[in-house]
C-alpha cells in the first residue's frame, strides 16, 4: 500500500481540514460546502470565510449533550445518513458530543458518569439537544432513562445549558405522540419547560430553538450550530422558535408543482393523468400551502433531484407545522394562506366552441378581481347565458 495514502502513516492534525483531506474531501469541495451552508443560513456570501473559519476552529467546539425522550430516533438516523460531505463526520469534529444514548460507546454507570462530568465541565456553555416529546401524564412514568423521567432530567440538566435545541416534530410540539387521544400527555420541549417552570440557574429565560420535521433535516441542525459558532448568537426565530432561514417560507412558495397550482392543474386521485404528469397535489391533501419549511429548496436524503415527498408524488403532510402534521387527516385539504381553490375546478384543456370556456372565464375573473371564487361564479353565468342563446337560436331555426 502507498504509505502516502495509508491512514496509519498519516498524523492527523488538529484542524478539521486535515481530517477532511485524510477522508478524501478536497479543499475546494469543502469550501463549496461552506458556501452552500452560508446561503442556507441566509447570510451574505461574503461571510462564507467566517463560516469556514468557524468550522475549522476546533478550539471553540461547543459541548453537546443529546437526550432522547419519546421518539423513534429517526432524527439521529437521518443525521447519520447525510452527505456532501458526510455530516456525521463534520458534526463529530465540529462539536464535542459528550453524551448520546444512541451513539455512546459507554453504557450503564459509565454513560451516566460521562453525562455528569460534561455538565460539570461546561456549565452555562453546552448546547442541549433533545429528541422526542415529554410525557406529562402520571408524572412522566411512560419514559425513563437510567431510572429518571424526562421531567427529572430536564430539571437537572436544562438550567445549566446555554441553549436548548428541540430537534424533530416530537421535541418541537409533541409530534405523533401528541395526536388524539394522546395517552401519555405528550408535549414538546418548549411547553414542557414552561409547565415545569424550568429556567437558567440565574433565573433568566432558557433559549429554545425548535427544528421540527419527521425526521428533521440534518442540515437545519448543522446550519443552526454553524450560525451559533460563526456569529456567537442564535439565529432569528419565528413565533414558534424555528430559525427563519429554514422555516421562514411556505413549502408552497418553493414547490416545483406551484405553477400547476396557479394554473388550476390538480391531480384528482393517485395514478391519474394529472398525477403522472406532475400536477399539483393540493386536492390529494398536500399540506404545503400551510406548512413552513425548506424541504423543496434543500430536498432530503441526498439521493438525487426531486427526492422529497412532493417530488416523488406524495402530498406533504405538514410534519413541520404544529396542528397540521399528525393532527389533520392525510386527505384533508390545506388552508391556503392566499386563496383556496374551489373544490370543483374546470378542466385544464376543456374545449367549448362558440363561446368563452369556464376556464377562460376563471382566468379573466382572477385577473380582474383577484378571486377565483368570483371567477367561477362569472364562468357559470357565462355558461348559463350561452345556454340561453343556444336555446333562442334553436327556437329561431324552428320557426
Foldseek 3Di string as FASTA:
>chain_A
DPLVLDVVNDDQDLWPQSVCVNVVQDPVLVLVVLQVLCVLLVHDSVCSVLLVVLLGDQVPAAEEEEEEWADDCVQVVQLQLDPSPRNVSSVVSNHPDQADPVPDPDDDPVRVVSVVVSLVVQFLTHEYEYEAWAQPPPNQPVTDDNRHGPLVVCQVRQLRYVAYEYFELCQLFNFLCCAPPNVRNTTHVVVSCVVSVDAHPVSHHHHYAYQYDPHGASSLVVSQVSVCSSVVDGADADPSRYHCSFFVDFLLVLDPQVVLVVLVQEDCDPPDPSLVVLHDDQQQQAQRLPATGCCQPVPGSPPDPLNHQSSVRAHHQRRRDPCGHNHDDRNDGYDHPQADADNDDDDNPDDDPPFDALSRQQVVCCVVPVHSVVSNVRSVVRVVVVVVVVVVVVVVVVD
